[in-house]
Amino acid sequence: MPIFDWGTYNGLSKLRVAELLGTRLTEIPPRIFMRKTYEDYFRQYRESSKSFTTITAHAPYYSLLSYNKEVIEKSIKAMRNAVKNAVIAGAEIFNMHIGVKVFRDERDIELVASTVKEIMKDFEDKIYFSLETTYAPWMLGNFEEIRAIIETIGSEKVIVSPQLENIFMYETALHSHGKFEHANKQATKDFWLKVLTETLKLSKGYFSLRFSQITGIFLGNKLLKKRVPLSRGYPDVEPLAEALAEFMVKEIYDKNLPLEIHLIYTGPPVTKFQDTITLYSEIMRRVFLYLK
């Protein structure tokens, strides 16, 4: 077994390129689920993905919480349709953003848990559901909030999926001050090892990670992140690669934990293949040093 499966998001038309480049994982991007796409598309996706070890799916961008009951009902309907198509395509994980906080107390946790339960109905035995970490406190999705949601749902099929640059923004308070160089100095190997340890606590079946580098701009008092090609943003790749290599080998592989490790590159489409290969290389040349 390899240390981890790696790859990026691909529509049906890009699967051949991803296959030829040797990526082991492909993810169905959210835009596919947000347009009128027939079931045959997803059947073709499955048939065209046989050379990949893993298929994942990123849910459309519909919030899992709202004041408006009708909005939630529409979101659940759209999500359930996306899950159905993800299953047809052969996806093993359906990854979801959570959304902006509504009540800013435990009611948000209860509302998201209720929404996710509705989305999962009839699909729990077919696919895992992952909750993606957020980058600012005005949105729901830090580790503790996701832990509370998972405990409230009470299903082994709900896991965390860290968007690593989001955690970088959240934990360094970058979301509040916008000082990228200052935040970057805090993102050491030890910083990332702590993040990976927290991820492991909420991982079942899969240890599923996402990453791209970012910059950002303030809109009013809110910092909005912008994904950029690898080596043109933050955080630095080297400390992250060092931490990933050590953690994957020592804490998962050597201990023979029953987890499949995924690394999904989520950067800009123009350079996504080059960046995915570069990121894989940065990690694997360090992994080699830990293999006995």
C-alpha atoms as a PDB file:
ATOM      1  CA  MET A   1       0.000   0.000   0.000  1.00  0.00           C
ATOM      2  CA  PRO A   2       1.273   3.545  -0.747  1.00  0.00           C
ATOM      3  CA  ILE A   3       1.665   6.087   2.035  1.00  0.00           C
ATOM      4  CA  PHE A   4      -1.163   8.233   0.667  1.00  0.00           C
ATOM      5  CA  ASP A   5      -3.368   8.821  -2.357  1.00  0.00           C
ATOM      6  CA  TRP A   6      -2.872  12.200  -3.991  1.00  0.00           C
ATOM      7  CA  GLY A   7      -4.514  14.256  -6.693  1.00  0.00           C
ATOM      8  CA  THR A   8      -6.781  17.186  -7.461  1.00  0.00           C
ATOM      9  CA  TYR A   9     -10.289  18.078  -8.619  1.00  0.00           C
ATOM     10  CA  ASN A  10     -11.273  17.103 -12.165  1.00  0.00           C
ATOM     11  CA  GLY A  11     -14.288  17.302 -14.398  1.00  0.00           C
ATOM     12  CA  LEU A  12     -14.887  14.396 -16.761  1.00  0.00           C
ATOM     13  CA  SER A  13     -12.913  16.062 -19.568  1.00  0.00           C
ATOM     14  CA  LYS A  14      -9.727  16.284 -17.443  1.00  0.00           C
ATOM     15  CA  LEU A  15      -9.647  12.722 -16.138  1.00  0.00           C
ATOM     16  CA  ARG A  16      -7.431  11.499 -18.972  1.00  0.00           C
ATOM     17  CA  VAL A  17      -4.777  14.140 -18.218  1.00  0.00           C
ATOM     18  CA  ALA A  18      -4.904  13.356 -14.492  1.00  0.00           C
ATOM     19  CA  GLU A  19      -4.535   9.654 -15.242  1.00  0.00           C
ATOM     20  CA  LEU A  20      -1.549  10.124 -17.547  1.00  0.00           C
ATOM     21  CA  LEU A  21       0.204  12.275 -14.947  1.00  0.00           C
ATOM     22  CA  GLY A  22      -0.067   9.462 -12.417  1.00  0.00           C
ATOM     23  CA  THR A  23      -2.350  11.014  -9.811  1.00  0.00           C
ATOM     24  CA  ARG A  24      -4.082   8.373  -7.713  1.00  0.00           C
ATOM     25  CA  LEU A  25      -7.064  10.414  -6.540  1.00  0.00           C
ATOM     26  CA  THR A  26      -9.642  12.512  -8.352  1.00  0.00           C
ATOM     27  CA  GLU A  27     -12.331  14.731  -6.858  1.00  0.00           C
ATOM     28  CA  ILE A  28     -15.602  15.775  -8.483  1.00  0.00           C
ATOM     29  CA  PRO A  29     -15.633  19.588  -8.125  1.00  0.00           C
ATOM     30  CA  PRO A  30     -18.622  21.495  -6.692  1.00  0.00           C
ATOM     31  CA  ARG A  31     -19.450  23.241  -9.965  1.00  0.00           C
ATOM     32  CA  ILE A  32     -20.454  19.900 -11.494  1.00  0.00           C
ATOM     33  CA  PHE A  33     -23.163  19.505  -8.852  1.00  0.00           C
ATOM     34  CA  MET A  34     -24.356  23.107  -9.193  1.00  0.00           C
ATOM     35  CA  ARG A  35     -25.305  22.868 -12.850  1.00  0.00           C
ATOM     36  CA  LYS A  36     -27.914  20.734 -14.591  1.00  0.00           C
ATOM     37  CA  THR A  37     -25.982  17.499 -14.982  1.00  0.00           C
ATOM     38  CA  TYR A  38     -27.618  14.213 -15.885  1.00  0.00           C
ATOM     39  CA  GLU A  39     -26.964  10.921 -14.113  1.00  0.00           C
ATOM     40  CA  ASP A  40     -25.235   9.587 -17.218  1.00  0.00           C
ATOM     41  CA  TYR A  41     -22.418  12.112 -16.630  1.00  0.00           C
ATOM     42  CA  PHE A  42     -21.693  10.538 -13.259  1.00  0.00           C
ATOM     43  CA  ARG A  43     -21.872   7.006 -14.659  1.00  0.00           C
ATOM     44  CA  GLN A  44     -19.308   8.044 -17.267  1.00  0.00           C
ATOM     45  CA  TYR A  45     -17.188   9.587 -14.517  1.00  0.00           C
ATOM     46  CA  ARG A  46     -17.102   6.277 -12.671  1.00  0.00           C
ATOM     47  CA  GLU A  47     -16.246   4.327 -15.810  1.00  0.00           C
ATOM     48  CA  SER A  48     -13.491   6.782 -16.714  1.00  0.00           C
ATOM     49  CA  SER A  49     -11.961   6.707 -13.207  1.00  0.00           C
ATOM     50  CA  LYS A  50     -11.020   3.034 -13.003  1.00  0.00           C
ATOM     51  CA  SER A  51      -7.295   3.812 -13.005  1.00  0.00           C
ATOM     52  CA  PHE A  52      -7.672   5.954  -9.864  1.00  0.00           C
ATOM     53  CA  THR A  53      -7.505   4.449  -6.386  1.00  0.00           C
ATOM     54  CA  THR A  54      -9.894   6.994  -4.907  1.00  0.00           C
ATOM     55  CA  ILE A  55     -12.795   9.198  -5.991  1.00  0.00           C
ATOM     56  CA  THR A  56     -14.037  11.946  -3.684  1.00  0.00           C
ATOM     57  CA  ALA A  57     -16.696  14.607  -4.190  1.00  0.00           C
ATOM     58  CA  HIS A  58     -16.910  18.228  -3.084  1.00  0.00           C
ATOM     59  CA  ALA A  59     -20.467  19.294  -2.331  1.00  0.00           C
ATOM     60  CA  PRO A  60     -22.040  22.332  -3.980  1.00  0.00           C
ATOM     61  CA  TYR A  61     -21.721  25.569  -2.013  1.00  0.00           C
ATOM     62  CA  TYR A  62     -24.994  25.515  -0.096  1.00  0.00           C
ATOM     63  CA  SER A  63     -24.963  26.457   3.584  1.00  0.00           C
ATOM     64  CA  LEU A  64     -25.920  23.839   6.145  1.00  0.00           C
ATOM     65  CA  LEU A  65     -27.529  26.408   8.438  1.00  0.00           C
ATOM     66  CA  SER A  66     -29.896  29.369   8.051  1.00  0.00           C
ATOM     67  CA  TYR A  67     -32.603  31.310   9.906  1.00  0.00           C
ATOM     68  CA  ASN A  68     -34.964  30.504   7.037  1.00  0.00           C
ATOM     69  CA  LYS A  69     -36.505  27.013   7.134  1.00  0.00           C
ATOM     70  CA  GLU A  70     -37.239  27.104   3.395  1.00  0.00           C
ATOM     71  CA  VAL A  71     -33.596  27.849   2.628  1.00  0.00           C
ATOM     72  CA  ILE A  72     -32.520  24.830   4.694  1.00  0.00           C
ATOM     73  CA  GLU A  73     -35.065  22.596   2.968  1.00  0.00           C
ATOM     74  CA  LYS A  74     -33.838  23.684  -0.468  1.00  0.00           C
ATOM     75  CA  SER A  75     -30.234  23.153   0.618  1.00  0.00           C
ATOM     76  CA  ILE A  76     -31.021  19.637   1.874  1.00  0.00           C
ATOM     77  CA  LYS A  77     -32.794  18.768  -1.374  1.00  0.00           C
ATOM     78  CA  ALA A  78     -29.870  20.006  -3.498  1.00  0.00           C
ATOM     79  CA  MET A  79     -27.318  18.252  -1.275  1.00  0.00           C
ATOM     80  CA  ARG A  80     -29.173  14.949  -1.337  1.00  0.00           C
ATOM     81  CA  ASN A  81     -29.297  15.070  -5.108  1.00  0.00           C
ATOM     82  CA  ALA A  82     -25.556  15.762  -5.172  1.00  0.00           C
ATOM     83  CA  VAL A  83     -24.890  12.846  -2.802  1.00  0.00           C
ATOM     84  CA  LYS A  84     -26.951  10.540  -5.028  1.00  0.00           C
ATOM     85  CA  ASN A  85     -24.874  11.536  -8.052  1.00  0.00           C
ATOM     86  CA  ALA A  86     -21.615  11.271  -6.095  1.00  0.00           C
ATOM     87  CA  VAL A  87     -22.521   7.694  -5.180  1.00  0.00           C
ATOM     88  CA  ILE A  88     -23.317   6.931  -8.829  1.00  0.00           C
ATOM     89  CA  ALA A  89     -19.866   8.302  -9.733  1.00  0.00           C
ATOM     90  CA  GLY A  90     -18.219   5.980  -7.205  1.00  0.00           C
ATOM     91  CA  ALA A  91     -17.163   8.629  -4.672  1.00  0.00           C
ATOM     92  CA  GLU A  92     -16.101   7.420  -1.222  1.00  0.00           C
ATOM     93  CA  ILE A  93     -16.334  10.789   0.559  1.00  0.00           C
ATOM     94  CA  PHE A  94     -18.766  13.697   0.155  1.00  0.00           C
ATOM     95  CA  ASN A  95     -17.107  16.833   1.541  1.00  0.00           C
ATOM     96  CA  MET A  96     -19.187  19.811   2.717  1.00  0.00           C
ATOM     97  CA  HIS A  97     -18.627  23.410   3.760  1.00  0.00           C
ATOM     98  CA  ILE A  98     -20.711  24.270   6.821  1.00  0.00           C
ATOM     99  CA  GLY A  99     -21.512  27.955   6.446  1.00  0.00           C
ATOM    100  CA  VAL A 100     -21.853  31.246   8.324  1.00  0.00           C
ATOM    101  CA  LYS A 101     -22.949  31.127  11.962  1.00  0.00           C
ATOM    102  CA  VAL A 102     -26.574  32.032  12.604  1.00  0.00           C
ATOM    103  CA  PHE A 103     -27.195  31.952  16.372  1.00  0.00           C
ATOM    104  CA  ARG A 104     -23.534  31.981  17.502  1.00  0.00           C
ATOM    105  CA  ASP A 105     -24.240  29.440  20.250  1.00  0.00           C
ATOM    106  CA  GLU A 106     -24.963  25.713  20.617  1.00  0.00           C
ATOM    107  CA  ARG A 107     -28.074  26.057  18.440  1.00  0.00           C
ATOM    108  CA  ASP A 108     -25.788  26.313  15.398  1.00  0.00           C
ATOM    109  CA  ILE A 109     -24.294  22.919  16.270  1.00  0.00           C
ATOM    110  CA  GLU A 110     -27.752  21.382  16.672  1.00  0.00           C
ATOM    111  CA  LEU A 111     -29.015  22.893  13.417  1.00  0.00           C
ATOM    112  CA  VAL A 112     -26.042  21.657  11.371  1.00  0.00           C
ATOM    113  CA  ALA A 113     -26.283  18.203  12.940  1.00  0.00           C
ATOM    114  CA  SER A 114     -29.980  18.027  12.046  1.00  0.00           C
ATOM    115  CA  THR A 115     -29.285  19.187   8.478  1.00  0.00           C
ATOM    116  CA  VAL A 116     -26.477  16.674   7.955  1.00  0.00           C
ATOM    117  CA  LYS A 117     -28.661  13.852   9.304  1.00  0.00           C
ATOM    118  CA  GLU A 118     -31.291  14.694   6.682  1.00  0.00           C
ATOM    119  CA  ILE A 119     -28.672  14.783   3.923  1.00  0.00           C
ATOM    120  CA  MET A 120     -27.284  11.414   5.020  1.00  0.00           C
ATOM    121  CA  LYS A 121     -30.602   9.516   5.040  1.00  0.00           C
ATOM    122  CA  ASP A 122     -30.481   6.408   2.800  1.00  0.00           C
ATOM    123  CA  PHE A 123     -26.797   7.088   1.966  1.00  0.00           C
ATOM    124  CA  GLU A 124     -25.019   6.375   5.253  1.00  0.00           C
ATOM    125  CA  ASP A 125     -24.037   2.869   4.169  1.00  0.00           C
ATOM    126  CA  LYS A 126     -22.769   4.083   0.786  1.00  0.00           C
ATOM    127  CA  ILE A 127     -20.457   7.041   1.425  1.00  0.00           C
ATOM    128  CA  TYR A 128     -18.620   8.995   4.150  1.00  0.00           C
ATOM    129  CA  PHE A 129     -19.513  12.618   4.864  1.00  0.00           C
ATOM    130  CA  SER A 130     -16.727  15.048   5.741  1.00  0.00           C
ATOM    131  CA  LEU A 131     -17.038  18.514   7.262  1.00  0.00           C
ATOM    132  CA  GLU A 132     -14.497  21.049   6.061  1.00  0.00           C
ATOM    133  CA  THR A 133     -12.685  23.340   8.467  1.00  0.00           C
ATOM    134  CA  THR A 134     -13.214  27.080   8.199  1.00  0.00           C
ATOM    135  CA  TYR A 135     -10.825  30.030   8.294  1.00  0.00           C
ATOM    136  CA  ALA A 136     -12.637  32.611  10.458  1.00  0.00           C
ATOM    137  CA  PRO A 137     -14.749  32.572  13.650  1.00  0.00           C
ATOM    138  CA  TRP A 138     -17.775  34.108  11.931  1.00  0.00           C
ATOM    139  CA  MET A 139     -18.171  30.816  10.087  1.00  0.00           C
ATOM    140  CA  LEU A 140     -18.798  27.449  11.735  1.00  0.00           C
ATOM    141  CA  GLY A 141     -16.096  24.826  11.455  1.00  0.00           C
ATOM    142  CA  ASN A 142     -13.138  24.860  13.829  1.00  0.00           C
ATOM    143  CA  PHE A 143     -12.018  21.515  15.267  1.00  0.00           C
ATOM    144  CA  GLU A 144     -14.070  21.801  18.450  1.00  0.00           C
ATOM    145  CA  GLU A 145     -17.238  22.791  16.585  1.00  0.00           C
ATOM    146  CA  ILE A 146     -16.837  19.933  14.130  1.00  0.00           C
ATOM    147  CA  ARG A 147     -16.200  17.543  17.028  1.00  0.00           C
ATOM    148  CA  ALA A 148     -19.463  18.702  18.644  1.00  0.00           C
ATOM    149  CA  ILE A 149     -21.380  18.258  15.375  1.00  0.00           C
ATOM    150  CA  ILE A 150     -19.992  14.740  14.879  1.00  0.00           C
ATOM    151  CA  GLU A 151     -20.863  13.765  18.474  1.00  0.00           C
ATOM    152  CA  THR A 152     -24.388  15.168  18.083  1.00  0.00           C
ATOM    153  CA  ILE A 153     -24.949  13.226  14.852  1.00  0.00           C
ATOM    154  CA  GLY A 154     -23.523  10.065  16.394  1.00  0.00           C
ATOM    155  CA  SER A 155     -22.444   8.389  13.161  1.00  0.00           C
ATOM    156  CA  GLU A 156     -19.148   6.702  12.318  1.00  0.00           C
ATOM    157  CA  LYS A 157     -19.595   7.942   8.752  1.00  0.00           C
ATOM    158  CA  VAL A 158     -19.066  11.644   9.583  1.00  0.00           C
ATOM    159  CA  ILE A 159     -15.449  12.842   9.698  1.00  0.00           C
ATOM    160  CA  VAL A 160     -13.374  16.001   9.481  1.00  0.00           C
ATOM    161  CA  SER A 161     -11.622  17.162   6.309  1.00  0.00           C
ATOM    162  CA  PRO A 162      -9.126  19.905   7.140  1.00  0.00           C
ATOM    163  CA  GLN A 163      -8.580  22.583   4.520  1.00  0.00           C
ATOM    164  CA  LEU A 164      -5.087  23.225   5.816  1.00  0.00           C
ATOM    165  CA  GLU A 165      -4.708  26.828   4.721  1.00  0.00           C
ATOM    166  CA  ASN A 166      -8.027  27.567   6.464  1.00  0.00           C
ATOM    167  CA  ILE A 167      -6.617  26.216   9.717  1.00  0.00           C
ATOM    168  CA  PHE A 168      -3.476  28.297   9.135  1.00  0.00           C
ATOM    169  CA  MET A 169      -5.647  31.428   8.884  1.00  0.00           C
ATOM    170  CA  TYR A 170      -7.809  30.526  11.873  1.00  0.00           C
ATOM    171  CA  GLU A 171      -5.118  29.421  14.312  1.00  0.00           C
ATOM    172  CA  THR A 172      -2.742  32.311  13.578  1.00  0.00           C
ATOM    173  CA  ALA A 173      -5.599  34.870  13.737  1.00  0.00           C
ATOM    174  CA  LEU A 174      -4.693  35.870  10.186  1.00  0.00           C
ATOM    175  CA  HIS A 175      -8.415  36.267   9.544  1.00  0.00           C
ATOM    176  CA  SER A 176      -8.385  39.284  11.896  1.00  0.00           C
ATOM    177  CA  HIS A 177      -5.140  41.116  11.091  1.00  0.00           C
ATOM    178  CA  GLY A 178      -4.150  40.142   7.537  1.00  0.00           C
ATOM    179  CA  LYS A 179      -0.405  40.066   8.314  1.00  0.00           C
ATOM    180  CA  PHE A 180       0.599  37.117   6.152  1.00  0.00           C
ATOM    181  CA  GLU A 181       4.336  37.214   6.869  1.00  0.00           C
ATOM    182  CA  HIS A 182       3.708  37.311  10.609  1.00  0.00           C
ATOM    183  CA  ALA A 183       1.282  34.384  10.406  1.00  0.00           C
ATOM    184  CA  ASN A 184       3.634  32.440   8.158  1.00  0.00           C
ATOM    185  CA  LYS A 185       6.363  32.520  10.827  1.00  0.00           C
ATOM    186  CA  GLN A 186       3.980  30.750  13.203  1.00  0.00           C
ATOM    187  CA  ALA A 187       3.268  27.912  10.734  1.00  0.00           C
ATOM    188  CA  THR A 188       6.249  25.785  11.793  1.00  0.00           C
ATOM    189  CA  LYS A 189       6.610  22.017  11.616  1.00  0.00           C
ATOM    190  CA  ASP A 190       5.394  21.779  15.230  1.00  0.00           C
ATOM    191  CA  PHE A 191       2.359  23.905  14.355  1.00  0.00           C
ATOM    192  CA  TRP A 192       1.386  21.454  11.618  1.00  0.00           C
ATOM    193  CA  LEU A 193       2.073  18.394  13.767  1.00  0.00           C
ATOM    194  CA  LYS A 194      -0.472  19.713  16.276  1.00  0.00           C
ATOM    195  CA  VAL A 195      -2.992  20.240  13.453  1.00  0.00           C
ATOM    196  CA  LEU A 196      -2.467  16.701  12.190  1.00  0.00           C
ATOM    197  CA  THR A 197      -2.858  15.306  15.710  1.00  0.00           C
ATOM    198  CA  GLU A 198      -6.218  17.072  16.048  1.00  0.00           C
ATOM    199  CA  THR A 199      -7.234  15.754  12.626  1.00  0.00           C
ATOM    200  CA  LEU A 200      -6.422  12.203  13.646  1.00  0.00           C
ATOM    201  CA  LYS A 201      -8.759  12.431  16.646  1.00  0.00           C
ATOM    202  CA  LEU A 202     -11.719  13.094  14.311  1.00  0.00           C
ATOM    203  CA  SER A 203     -10.737  10.712  11.513  1.00  0.00           C
ATOM    204  CA  LYS A 204     -12.449   7.367  10.898  1.00  0.00           C
ATOM    205  CA  GLY A 205     -11.752   5.313   7.815  1.00  0.00           C
ATOM    206  CA  TYR A 206     -10.057   8.221   6.090  1.00  0.00           C
ATOM    207  CA  PHE A 207      -7.435  10.816   6.986  1.00  0.00           C
ATOM    208  CA  SER A 208      -8.459  13.292   4.308  1.00  0.00           C
ATOM    209  CA  LEU A 209      -6.512  16.546   3.845  1.00  0.00           C
ATOM    210  CA  ARG A 210      -6.860  19.506   1.471  1.00  0.00           C
ATOM    211  CA  PHE A 211      -4.419  22.280   0.678  1.00  0.00           C
ATOM    212  CA  SER A 212      -3.646  25.288  -1.449  1.00  0.00           C
ATOM    213  CA  GLN A 213      -1.625  28.426  -0.824  1.00  0.00           C
ATOM    214  CA  ILE A 214      -3.471  31.700  -0.424  1.00  0.00           C
ATOM    215  CA  THR A 215      -3.300  35.449  -0.230  1.00  0.00           C
ATOM    216  CA  GLY A 216      -6.239  37.651   0.716  1.00  0.00           C
ATOM    217  CA  ILE A 217      -7.980  40.995   0.702  1.00  0.00           C
ATOM    218  CA  PHE A 218     -10.137  42.754   3.274  1.00  0.00           C
ATOM    219  CA  LEU A 219     -13.769  43.397   2.377  1.00  0.00           C
ATOM    220  CA  GLY A 220     -14.877  45.709   5.134  1.00  0.00           C
ATOM    221  CA  ASN A 221     -13.541  44.077   8.304  1.00  0.00           C
ATOM    222  CA  LYS A 222     -13.478  40.549   6.844  1.00  0.00           C
ATOM    223  CA  LEU A 223     -10.420  39.002   5.225  1.00  0.00           C
ATOM    224  CA  LEU A 224     -11.390  36.978   2.171  1.00  0.00           C
ATOM    225  CA  LYS A 225      -8.890  34.380   1.060  1.00  0.00           C
ATOM    226  CA  LYS A 226      -7.719  34.029  -2.531  1.00  0.00           C
ATOM    227  CA  ARG A 227      -6.151  30.796  -3.767  1.00  0.00           C
ATOM    228  CA  VAL A 228      -2.930  31.246  -5.721  1.00  0.00           C
ATOM    229  CA  PRO A 229      -0.473  28.951  -7.538  1.00  0.00           C
ATOM    230  CA  LEU A 230       2.030  27.075  -5.408  1.00  0.00           C
ATOM    231  CA  SER A 231       5.054  29.199  -4.335  1.00  0.00           C
ATOM    232  CA  ARG A 232       3.080  32.442  -4.787  1.00  0.00           C
ATOM    233  CA  GLY A 233       1.285  32.527  -1.459  1.00  0.00           C
ATOM    234  CA  TYR A 234       1.089  31.319   2.127  1.00  0.00           C
ATOM    235  CA  PRO A 235       1.730  29.250   4.182  1.00  0.00           C
ATOM    236  CA  ASP A 236       5.154  27.927   3.184  1.00  0.00           C
ATOM    237  CA  VAL A 237       5.106  24.373   1.879  1.00  0.00           C
ATOM    238  CA  GLU A 238       8.363  23.169   3.498  1.00  0.00           C
ATOM    239  CA  PRO A 239       7.284  23.026   7.190  1.00  0.00           C
ATOM    240  CA  LEU A 240       3.978  21.467   6.169  1.00  0.00           C
ATOM    241  CA  ALA A 241       5.716  18.844   4.011  1.00  0.00           C
ATOM    242  CA  GLU A 242       8.101  18.025   6.868  1.00  0.00           C
ATOM    243  CA  ALA A 243       5.227  17.556   9.292  1.00  0.00           C
ATOM    244  CA  LEU A 244       3.135  15.525   6.867  1.00  0.00           C
ATOM    245  CA  ALA A 245       6.012  13.186   6.042  1.00  0.00           C
ATOM    246  CA  GLU A 246       6.841  12.507   9.689  1.00  0.00           C
ATOM    247  CA  PHE A 247       3.243  12.204  10.855  1.00  0.00           C
ATOM    248  CA  MET A 248       2.008   9.963   8.055  1.00  0.00           C
ATOM    249  CA  VAL A 249       4.869   7.515   8.490  1.00  0.00           C
ATOM    250  CA  LYS A 250       5.292   7.517  12.285  1.00  0.00           C
ATOM    251  CA  GLU A 251       1.722   8.047  13.479  1.00  0.00           C
ATOM    252  CA  ILE A 252      -0.339   6.240  10.822  1.00  0.00           C
ATOM    253  CA  TYR A 253       1.763   3.955   8.625  1.00  0.00           C
ATOM    254  CA  ASP A 254       4.127   2.547  11.292  1.00  0.00           C
ATOM    255  CA  LYS A 255       1.242   2.105  13.753  1.00  0.00           C
ATOM    256  CA  ASN A 256      -0.808   0.351  11.071  1.00  0.00           C
ATOM    257  CA  LEU A 257      -3.882   2.486  11.740  1.00  0.00           C
ATOM    258  CA  PRO A 258      -6.947   1.553   9.644  1.00  0.00           C
ATOM    259  CA  LEU A 259      -6.956   4.823   7.725  1.00  0.00           C
ATOM    260  CA  GLU A 260      -6.622   5.717   4.059  1.00  0.00           C
ATOM    261  CA  ILE A 261      -4.663   8.955   3.734  1.00  0.00           C
ATOM    262  CA  HIS A 262      -5.701  11.489   1.092  1.00  0.00           C
ATOM    263  CA  LEU A 263      -4.074  14.721   0.004  1.00  0.00           C
ATOM    264  CA  ILE A 264      -6.230  16.803  -2.333  1.00  0.00           C
ATOM    265  CA  TYR A 265      -4.711  19.885  -3.976  1.00  0.00           C
ATOM    266  CA  THR A 266      -7.342  22.636  -4.258  1.00  0.00           C
ATOM    267  CA  GLY A 267      -5.442  25.499  -5.906  1.00  0.00           C
ATOM    268  CA  PRO A 268      -6.246  27.451  -9.095  1.00  0.00           C
ATOM    269  CA  PRO A 269      -7.189  25.370 -12.153  1.00  0.00           C
ATOM    270  CA  VAL A 270      -4.587  26.912 -14.487  1.00  0.00           C
ATOM    271  CA  THR A 271      -1.641  25.422 -12.580  1.00  0.00           C
ATOM    272  CA  LYS A 272      -3.369  22.653 -10.632  1.00  0.00           C
ATOM    273  CA  PHE A 273      -1.591  19.716 -12.281  1.00  0.00           C
ATOM    274  CA  GLN A 274       1.904  21.188 -12.007  1.00  0.00           C
ATOM    275  CA  ASP A 275       1.234  22.238  -8.415  1.00  0.00           C
ATOM    276  CA  THR A 276      -0.220  18.841  -7.455  1.00  0.00           C
ATOM    277  CA  ILE A 277       2.911  17.064  -8.699  1.00  0.00           C
ATOM    278  CA  THR A 278       5.209  19.576  -6.977  1.00  0.00           C
ATOM    279  CA  LEU A 279       3.369  19.202  -3.669  1.00  0.00           C
ATOM    280  CA  TYR A 280       3.508  15.397  -3.916  1.00  0.00           C
ATOM    281  CA  SER A 281       7.235  15.541  -4.627  1.00  0.00           C
ATOM    282  CA  GLU A 282       7.937  17.866  -1.686  1.00  0.00           C
ATOM    283  CA  ILE A 283       6.247  15.440   0.689  1.00  0.00           C
ATOM    284  CA  MET A 284       7.472  12.128  -0.715  1.00  0.00           C
ATOM    285  CA  ARG A 285      11.158  13.048  -0.812  1.00  0.00           C
ATOM    286  CA  ARG A 286      10.813  13.673   2.918  1.00  0.00           C
ATOM    287  CA  VAL A 287       8.753  10.527   3.503  1.00  0.00           C
ATOM    288  CA  PHE A 288      11.698   8.523   2.147  1.00  0.00           C
ATOM    289  CA  LEU A 289      13.843   9.672   5.074  1.00  0.00           C
ATOM    290  CA  TYR A 290      11.413   8.116   7.582  1.00  0.00           C
ATOM    291  CA  LEU A 291      10.978   4.762   5.882  1.00  0.00           C
ATOM    292  CA  LYS A 292      12.988   1.994   7.488  1.00  0.00           C
END
